[in-house]
Amino acid sequence: MSLDSIPCDLFVDISGTDCALPSSKMNDALEVLLPGQTLMAVSEKQALVSDIPAFCRQRKLQLLDQGEVDEMFYFLIKQQAE
């Protein structure tokens, strides 16, 4: 499996970001995402494996899938209908 084989409406690479910057980049991406659309966020940082699910719970987003492909962690997130 490759990251390209996972369908999504918007892709954001949060690699190389520290502290609040991954959340900031994801918030910016989520602002343009319509209800029902999906966001694929990727990073090489293993710490985000617990941070992103917490971010999703806090923002009431649906975490559809997460995993690791080629040393990159991915998170498939769905914007909930309002």
PDB file of N, CA and C in Angstrom:
ATOM      1  N   MET A   1       0.842  -1.182   0.000  1.00  0.00           N
ATOM      2  CA  MET A   1       0.000   0.000   0.000  1.00  0.00           C
ATOM      3  C   MET A   1       0.886   1.244   0.000  1.00  0.00           C
ATOM      4  N   SER A   2       0.431   2.261  -0.695  1.00  0.00           N
ATOM      5  CA  SER A   2       1.130   3.551  -0.688  1.00  0.00           C
ATOM      6  C   SER A   2       0.143   4.630  -0.261  1.00  0.00           C
ATOM      7  N   LEU A   3       0.668   5.754   0.175  1.00  0.00           N
ATOM      8  CA  LEU A   3      -0.192   6.853   0.588  1.00  0.00           C
ATOM      9  C   LEU A   3      -1.050   7.347  -0.567  1.00  0.00           C
ATOM     10  N   ASP A   4      -0.527   7.257  -1.782  1.00  0.00           N
ATOM     11  CA  ASP A   4      -1.276   7.693  -2.962  1.00  0.00           C
ATOM     12  C   ASP A   4      -2.516   6.847  -3.218  1.00  0.00           C
ATOM     13  N   SER A   5      -2.537   5.637  -2.670  1.00  0.00           N
ATOM     14  CA  SER A   5      -3.673   4.744  -2.913  1.00  0.00           C
ATOM     15  C   SER A   5      -4.829   4.994  -1.947  1.00  0.00           C
ATOM     16  N   ILE A   6      -4.652   5.880  -0.984  1.00  0.00           N
ATOM     17  CA  ILE A   6      -5.704   6.183  -0.010  1.00  0.00           C
ATOM     18  C   ILE A   6      -6.452   7.426  -0.493  1.00  0.00           C
ATOM     19  N   PRO A   7      -7.733   7.279  -0.842  1.00  0.00           N
ATOM     20  CA  PRO A   7      -8.465   8.436  -1.370  1.00  0.00           C
ATOM     21  C   PRO A   7      -8.746   9.482  -0.289  1.00  0.00           C
ATOM     22  N   CYS A   8      -8.570  10.746  -0.666  1.00  0.00           N
ATOM     23  CA  CYS A   8      -8.881  11.860   0.237  1.00  0.00           C
ATOM     24  C   CYS A   8      -9.179  13.093  -0.603  1.00  0.00           C
ATOM     25  N   ASP A   9      -9.831  14.061   0.015  1.00  0.00           N
ATOM     26  CA  ASP A   9     -10.157  15.301  -0.682  1.00  0.00           C
ATOM     27  C   ASP A   9      -9.055  16.349  -0.567  1.00  0.00           C
ATOM     28  N   LEU A  10      -8.283  16.271   0.523  1.00  0.00           N
ATOM     29  CA  LEU A  10      -7.227  17.256   0.767  1.00  0.00           C
ATOM     30  C   LEU A  10      -6.077  16.565   1.470  1.00  0.00           C
ATOM     31  N   PHE A  11      -4.856  16.928   1.111  1.00  0.00           N
ATOM     32  CA  PHE A  11      -3.641  16.334   1.664  1.00  0.00           C
ATOM     33  C   PHE A  11      -2.825  17.427   2.326  1.00  0.00           C
ATOM     34  N   VAL A  12      -2.321  17.155   3.544  1.00  0.00           N
ATOM     35  CA  VAL A  12      -1.447  18.118   4.209  1.00  0.00           C
ATOM     36  C   VAL A  12      -0.278  17.355   4.832  1.00  0.00           C
ATOM     37  N   ASP A  13       0.918  17.839   4.551  1.00  0.00           N
ATOM     38  CA  ASP A  13       2.129  17.247   5.112  1.00  0.00           C
ATOM     39  C   ASP A  13       2.520  18.069   6.331  1.00  0.00           C
ATOM     40  N   ILE A  14       2.433  17.450   7.511  1.00  0.00           N
ATOM     41  CA  ILE A  14       2.776  18.160   8.749  1.00  0.00           C
ATOM     42  C   ILE A  14       4.142  17.716   9.264  1.00  0.00           C
ATOM     43  N   SER A  15       4.940  17.152   8.374  1.00  0.00           N
ATOM     44  CA  SER A  15       6.309  16.751   8.723  1.00  0.00           C
ATOM     45  C   SER A  15       7.149  17.980   9.028  1.00  0.00           C
ATOM     46  N   GLY A  16       8.096  17.813   9.913  1.00  0.00           N
ATOM     47  CA  GLY A  16       9.038  18.880  10.201  1.00  0.00           C
ATOM     48  C   GLY A  16       8.470  20.021  11.007  1.00  0.00           C
ATOM     49  N   THR A  17       7.292  19.820  11.584  1.00  0.00           N
ATOM     50  CA  THR A  17       6.695  20.867  12.402  1.00  0.00           C
ATOM     51  C   THR A  17       6.795  20.489  13.873  1.00  0.00           C
ATOM     52  N   ASP A  18       6.886  21.484  14.710  1.00  0.00           N
ATOM     53  CA  ASP A  18       7.024  21.256  16.149  1.00  0.00           C
ATOM     54  C   ASP A  18       5.853  21.860  16.907  1.00  0.00           C
ATOM     55  N   CYS A  19       5.607  21.313  18.081  1.00  0.00           N
ATOM     56  CA  CYS A  19       4.635  21.819  19.050  1.00  0.00           C
ATOM     57  C   CYS A  19       3.277  22.101  18.414  1.00  0.00           C
ATOM     58  N   ALA A  20       2.854  23.345  18.430  1.00  0.00           N
ATOM     59  CA  ALA A  20       1.505  23.689  17.976  1.00  0.00           C
ATOM     60  C   ALA A  20       1.391  23.795  16.460  1.00  0.00           C
ATOM     61  N   LEU A  21       2.502  23.781  15.749  1.00  0.00           N
ATOM     62  CA  LEU A  21       2.441  23.973  14.303  1.00  0.00           C
ATOM     63  C   LEU A  21       1.673  22.872  13.567  1.00  0.00           C
ATOM     64  N   PRO A  22       1.781  21.586  13.946  1.00  0.00           N
ATOM     65  CA  PRO A  22       0.948  20.591  13.246  1.00  0.00           C
ATOM     66  C   PRO A  22      -0.537  20.913  13.381  1.00  0.00           C
ATOM     67  N   SER A  23      -0.975  21.303  14.569  1.00  0.00           N
ATOM     68  CA  SER A  23      -2.379  21.659  14.772  1.00  0.00           C
ATOM     69  C   SER A  23      -2.749  22.883  13.945  1.00  0.00           C
ATOM     70  N   SER A  24      -1.862  23.857  13.885  1.00  0.00           N
ATOM     71  CA  SER A  24      -2.116  25.066  13.104  1.00  0.00           C
ATOM     72  C   SER A  24      -2.262  24.739  11.621  1.00  0.00           C
ATOM     73  N   LYS A  25      -1.368  23.909  11.092  1.00  0.00           N
ATOM     74  CA  LYS A  25      -1.448  23.530   9.677  1.00  0.00           C
ATOM     75  C   LYS A  25      -2.713  22.736   9.403  1.00  0.00           C
ATOM     76  N   MET A  26      -3.103  21.870  10.346  1.00  0.00           N
ATOM     77  CA  MET A  26      -4.322  21.093  10.159  1.00  0.00           C
ATOM     78  C   MET A  26      -5.551  21.979  10.263  1.00  0.00           C
ATOM     79  N   ASN A  27      -5.549  22.933  11.184  1.00  0.00           N
ATOM     80  CA  ASN A  27      -6.677  23.871  11.295  1.00  0.00           C
ATOM     81  C   ASN A  27      -6.860  24.653  10.004  1.00  0.00           C
ATOM     82  N   ASP A  28      -5.755  25.106   9.419  1.00  0.00           N
ATOM     83  CA  ASP A  28      -5.826  25.834   8.148  1.00  0.00           C
ATOM     84  C   ASP A  28      -6.436  24.958   7.057  1.00  0.00           C
ATOM     85  N   ALA A  29      -6.022  23.695   6.998  1.00  0.00           N
ATOM     86  CA  ALA A  29      -6.556  22.771   5.990  1.00  0.00           C
ATOM     87  C   ALA A  29      -8.033  22.487   6.237  1.00  0.00           C
ATOM     88  N   LEU A  30      -8.410  22.328   7.492  1.00  0.00           N
ATOM     89  CA  LEU A  30      -9.797  22.017   7.820  1.00  0.00           C
ATOM     90  C   LEU A  30     -10.740  23.174   7.504  1.00  0.00           C
ATOM     91  N   GLU A  31     -10.216  24.387   7.479  1.00  0.00           N
ATOM     92  CA  GLU A  31     -11.052  25.556   7.168  1.00  0.00           C
ATOM     93  C   GLU A  31     -11.613  25.493   5.759  1.00  0.00           C
ATOM     94  N   VAL A  32     -10.912  24.857   4.826  1.00  0.00           N
ATOM     95  CA  VAL A  32     -11.387  24.777   3.441  1.00  0.00           C
ATOM     96  C   VAL A  32     -12.112  23.461   3.159  1.00  0.00           C
ATOM     97  N   LEU A  33     -12.092  22.544   4.105  1.00  0.00           N
ATOM     98  CA  LEU A  33     -12.731  21.243   3.936  1.00  0.00           C
ATOM     99  C   LEU A  33     -14.231  21.361   4.199  1.00  0.00           C
ATOM    100  N   LEU A  34     -15.030  20.843   3.299  1.00  0.00           N
ATOM    101  CA  LEU A  34     -16.475  20.876   3.460  1.00  0.00           C
ATOM    102  C   LEU A  34     -16.936  19.691   4.306  1.00  0.00           C
ATOM    103  N   PRO A  35     -18.088  19.804   4.957  1.00  0.00           N
ATOM    104  CA  PRO A  35     -18.612  18.666   5.731  1.00  0.00           C
ATOM    105  C   PRO A  35     -18.699  17.409   4.853  1.00  0.00           C
ATOM    106  N   GLY A  36     -18.223  16.296   5.407  1.00  0.00           N
ATOM    107  CA  GLY A  36     -18.229  15.024   4.683  1.00  0.00           C
ATOM    108  C   GLY A  36     -16.950  14.757   3.898  1.00  0.00           C
ATOM    109  N   GLN A  37     -16.121  15.779   3.684  1.00  0.00           N
ATOM    110  CA  GLN A  37     -14.868  15.583   2.961  1.00  0.00           C
ATOM    111  C   GLN A  37     -13.794  15.057   3.911  1.00  0.00           C
ATOM    112  N   THR A  38     -12.729  14.510   3.309  1.00  0.00           N
ATOM    113  CA  THR A  38     -11.659  13.909   4.107  1.00  0.00           C
ATOM    114  C   THR A  38     -10.330  14.620   3.898  1.00  0.00           C
ATOM    115  N   LEU A  39      -9.559  14.614   4.968  1.00  0.00           N
ATOM    116  CA  LEU A  39      -8.220  15.205   4.996  1.00  0.00           C
ATOM    117  C   LEU A  39      -7.222  14.100   5.305  1.00  0.00           C
ATOM    118  N   MET A  40      -6.158  14.024   4.544  1.00  0.00           N
ATOM    119  CA  MET A  40      -5.058  13.104   4.830  1.00  0.00           C
ATOM    120  C   MET A  40      -3.898  13.942   5.349  1.00  0.00           C
ATOM    121  N   ALA A  41      -3.516  13.698   6.605  1.00  0.00           N
ATOM    122  CA  ALA A  41      -2.360  14.365   7.202  1.00  0.00           C
ATOM    123  C   ALA A  41      -1.263  13.330   7.354  1.00  0.00           C
ATOM    124  N   VAL A  42      -0.032  13.694   7.004  1.00  0.00           N
ATOM    125  CA  VAL A  42       1.096  12.770   7.120  1.00  0.00           C
ATOM    126  C   VAL A  42       2.259  13.442   7.844  1.00  0.00           C
ATOM    127  N   SER A  43       3.030  12.613   8.553  1.00  0.00           N
ATOM    128  CA  SER A  43       4.204  13.097   9.273  1.00  0.00           C
ATOM    129  C   SER A  43       5.125  11.926   9.562  1.00  0.00           C
ATOM    130  N   GLU A  44       6.400  12.224   9.770  1.00  0.00           N
ATOM    131  CA  GLU A  44       7.342  11.175  10.167  1.00  0.00           C
ATOM    132  C   GLU A  44       7.450  11.074  11.690  1.00  0.00           C
ATOM    133  N   LYS A  45       6.738  11.936  12.418  1.00  0.00           N
ATOM    134  CA  LYS A  45       6.845  11.972  13.878  1.00  0.00           C
ATOM    135  C   LYS A  45       5.872  11.000  14.543  1.00  0.00           C
ATOM    136  N   GLN A  46       6.430  10.030  15.262  1.00  0.00           N
ATOM    137  CA  GLN A  46       5.613   9.027  15.929  1.00  0.00           C
ATOM    138  C   GLN A  46       4.765   9.625  17.053  1.00  0.00           C
ATOM    139  N   ALA A  47       5.187  10.716  17.643  1.00  0.00           N
ATOM    140  CA  ALA A  47       4.435  11.349  18.729  1.00  0.00           C
ATOM    141  C   ALA A  47       3.026  11.734  18.298  1.00  0.00           C
ATOM    142  N   LEU A  48       2.835  11.989  17.013  1.00  0.00           N
ATOM    143  CA  LEU A  48       1.518  12.385  16.527  1.00  0.00           C
ATOM    144  C   LEU A  48       0.519  11.240  16.520  1.00  0.00           C
ATOM    145  N   VAL A  49       0.999  10.005  16.701  1.00  0.00           N
ATOM    146  CA  VAL A  49       0.108   8.847  16.743  1.00  0.00           C
ATOM    147  C   VAL A  49      -0.899   8.978  17.888  1.00  0.00           C
ATOM    148  N   SER A  50      -0.519   9.617  18.963  1.00  0.00           N
ATOM    149  CA  SER A  50      -1.472   9.867  20.051  1.00  0.00           C
ATOM    150  C   SER A  50      -2.025  11.294  19.996  1.00  0.00           C
ATOM    151  N   ASP A  51      -1.266  12.233  19.456  1.00  0.00           N
ATOM    152  CA  ASP A  51      -1.707  13.629  19.414  1.00  0.00           C
ATOM    153  C   ASP A  51      -2.861  13.860  18.438  1.00  0.00           C
ATOM    154  N   ILE A  52      -2.793  13.256  17.262  1.00  0.00           N
ATOM    155  CA  ILE A  52      -3.825  13.492  16.247  1.00  0.00           C
ATOM    156  C   ILE A  52      -5.184  12.935  16.677  1.00  0.00           C
ATOM    157  N   PRO A  53      -5.271  11.720  17.236  1.00  0.00           N
ATOM    158  CA  PRO A  53      -6.585  11.265  17.725  1.00  0.00           C
ATOM    159  C   PRO A  53      -7.166  12.207  18.793  1.00  0.00           C
ATOM    160  N   ALA A  54      -6.316  12.742  19.675  1.00  0.00           N
ATOM    161  CA  ALA A  54      -6.785  13.696  20.684  1.00  0.00           C
ATOM    162  C   ALA A  54      -7.273  14.979  20.013  1.00  0.00           C
ATOM    163  N   PHE A  55      -6.551  15.443  19.008  1.00  0.00           N
ATOM    164  CA  PHE A  55      -6.947  16.625  18.236  1.00  0.00           C
ATOM    165  C   PHE A  55      -8.319  16.393  17.600  1.00  0.00           C
ATOM    166  N   CYS A  56      -8.527  15.208  17.048  1.00  0.00           N
ATOM    167  CA  CYS A  56      -9.801  14.877  16.400  1.00  0.00           C
ATOM    168  C   CYS A  56     -10.948  14.860  17.408  1.00  0.00           C
ATOM    169  N   ARG A  57     -10.711  14.272  18.560  1.00  0.00           N
ATOM    170  CA  ARG A  57     -11.755  14.245  19.595  1.00  0.00           C
ATOM    171  C   ARG A  57     -12.115  15.666  20.031  1.00  0.00           C
ATOM    172  N   GLN A  58     -11.092  16.485  20.216  1.00  0.00           N
ATOM    173  CA  GLN A  58     -11.300  17.861  20.655  1.00  0.00           C
ATOM    174  C   GLN A  58     -12.090  18.668  19.632  1.00  0.00           C
ATOM    175  N   ARG A  59     -11.802  18.465  18.360  1.00  0.00           N
ATOM    176  CA  ARG A  59     -12.454  19.213  17.277  1.00  0.00           C
ATOM    177  C   ARG A  59     -13.710  18.527  16.746  1.00  0.00           C
ATOM    178  N   LYS A  60     -14.071  17.378  17.336  1.00  0.00           N
ATOM    179  CA  LYS A  60     -15.234  16.597  16.907  1.00  0.00           C
ATOM    180  C   LYS A  60     -15.120  16.176  15.437  1.00  0.00           C
ATOM    181  N   LEU A  61     -13.926  15.719  15.080  1.00  0.00           N
ATOM    182  CA  LEU A  61     -13.646  15.189  13.746  1.00  0.00           C
ATOM    183  C   LEU A  61     -13.656  13.670  13.835  1.00  0.00           C
ATOM    184  N   GLN A  62     -13.943  13.021  12.741  1.00  0.00           N
ATOM    185  CA  GLN A  62     -13.950  11.560  12.716  1.00  0.00           C
ATOM    186  C   GLN A  62     -12.614  11.066  12.155  1.00  0.00           C
ATOM    187  N   LEU A  63     -11.870  10.327  12.968  1.00  0.00           N
ATOM    188  CA  LEU A  63     -10.626   9.721  12.520  1.00  0.00           C
ATOM    189  C   LEU A  63     -10.989   8.404  11.857  1.00  0.00           C
ATOM    190  N   LEU A  64     -10.949   8.370  10.530  1.00  0.00           N
ATOM    191  CA  LEU A  64     -11.363   7.190   9.779  1.00  0.00           C
ATOM    192  C   LEU A  64     -10.310   6.096   9.786  1.00  0.00           C
ATOM    193  N   ASP A  65      -9.047   6.501   9.728  1.00  0.00           N
ATOM    194  CA  ASP A  65      -7.960   5.528   9.638  1.00  0.00           C
ATOM    195  C   ASP A  65      -6.659   6.204  10.028  1.00  0.00           C
ATOM    196  N   GLN A  66      -5.750   5.404  10.539  1.00  0.00           N
ATOM    197  CA  GLN A  66      -4.396   5.877  10.775  1.00  0.00           C
ATOM    198  C   GLN A  66      -3.479   4.680  10.662  1.00  0.00           C
ATOM    199  N   GLY A  67      -2.235   4.941  10.319  1.00  0.00           N
ATOM    200  CA  GLY A  67      -1.273   3.859  10.175  1.00  0.00           C
ATOM    201  C   GLY A  67       0.082   4.388   9.769  1.00  0.00           C
ATOM    202  N   GLU A  68       0.918   3.465   9.323  1.00  0.00           N
ATOM    203  CA  GLU A  68       2.276   3.815   8.912  1.00  0.00           C
ATOM    204  C   GLU A  68       2.564   3.168   7.574  1.00  0.00           C
ATOM    205  N   VAL A  69       3.084   3.966   6.653  1.00  0.00           N
ATOM    206  CA  VAL A  69       3.470   3.505   5.324  1.00  0.00           C
ATOM    207  C   VAL A  69       4.818   4.130   5.002  1.00  0.00           C
ATOM    208  N   ASP A  70       5.794   3.312   4.700  1.00  0.00           N
ATOM    209  CA  ASP A  70       7.128   3.805   4.312  1.00  0.00           C
ATOM    210  C   ASP A  70       7.679   4.831   5.307  1.00  0.00           C
ATOM    211  N   GLU A  71       7.604   4.504   6.586  1.00  0.00           N
ATOM    212  CA  GLU A  71       8.119   5.343   7.671  1.00  0.00           C
ATOM    213  C   GLU A  71       7.404   6.681   7.809  1.00  0.00           C
ATOM    214  N   MET A  72       6.232   6.800   7.216  1.00  0.00           N
ATOM    215  CA  MET A  72       5.394   7.991   7.368  1.00  0.00           C
ATOM    216  C   MET A  72       4.102   7.570   8.063  1.00  0.00           C
ATOM    217  N   PHE A  73       3.713   8.338   9.064  1.00  0.00           N
ATOM    218  CA  PHE A  73       2.454   8.091   9.756  1.00  0.00           C
ATOM    219  C   PHE A  73       1.374   8.896   9.051  1.00  0.00           C
ATOM    220  N   TYR A  74       0.233   8.251   8.811  1.00  0.00           N
ATOM    221  CA  TYR A  74      -0.855   8.947   8.135  1.00  0.00           C
ATOM    222  C   TYR A  74      -2.115   8.921   8.985  1.00  0.00           C
ATOM    223  N   PHE A  75      -2.949   9.929   8.765  1.00  0.00           N
ATOM    224  CA  PHE A  75      -4.195  10.090   9.500  1.00  0.00           C
ATOM    225  C   PHE A  75      -5.258  10.542   8.510  1.00  0.00           C
ATOM    226  N   LEU A  76      -6.285   9.748   8.344  1.00  0.00           N
ATOM    227  CA  LEU A  76      -7.387  10.082   7.453  1.00  0.00           C
ATOM    228  C   LEU A  76      -8.536  10.588   8.315  1.00  0.00           C
ATOM    229  N   ILE A  77      -8.878  11.845   8.131  1.00  0.00           N
ATOM    230  CA  ILE A  77      -9.803  12.547   9.013  1.00  0.00           C
ATOM    231  C   ILE A  77     -10.993  13.050   8.187  1.00  0.00           C
ATOM    232  N   LYS A  78     -12.190  12.841   8.729  1.00  0.00           N
ATOM    233  CA  LYS A  78     -13.404  13.294   8.042  1.00  0.00           C
ATOM    234  C   LYS A  78     -14.010  14.484   8.784  1.00  0.00           C
ATOM    235  N   GLN A  79     -14.322  15.506   8.027  1.00  0.00           N
ATOM    236  CA  GLN A  79     -15.007  16.677   8.576  1.00  0.00           C
ATOM    237  C   GLN A  79     -16.467  16.297   8.774  1.00  0.00           C
ATOM    238  N   GLN A  80     -16.967  16.431   9.986  1.00  0.00           N
ATOM    239  CA  GLN A  80     -18.342  16.059  10.299  1.00  0.00           C
ATOM    240  C   GLN A  80     -19.321  17.094   9.741  1.00  0.00           C
ATOM    241  N   ALA A  81     -20.534  16.641   9.438  1.00  0.00           N
ATOM    242  CA  ALA A  81     -21.579  17.559   9.026  1.00  0.00           C
ATOM    243  C   ALA A  81     -21.967  18.427  10.229  1.00  0.00           C
ATOM    244  N   GLU A  82     -22.280  19.655   9.977  1.00  0.00           N
ATOM    245  CA  GLU A  82     -22.606  20.587  11.071  1.00  0.00           C
ATOM    246  C   GLU A  82     -23.970  20.342  11.623  1.00  0.00           C
TER     247      GLU A  82
END
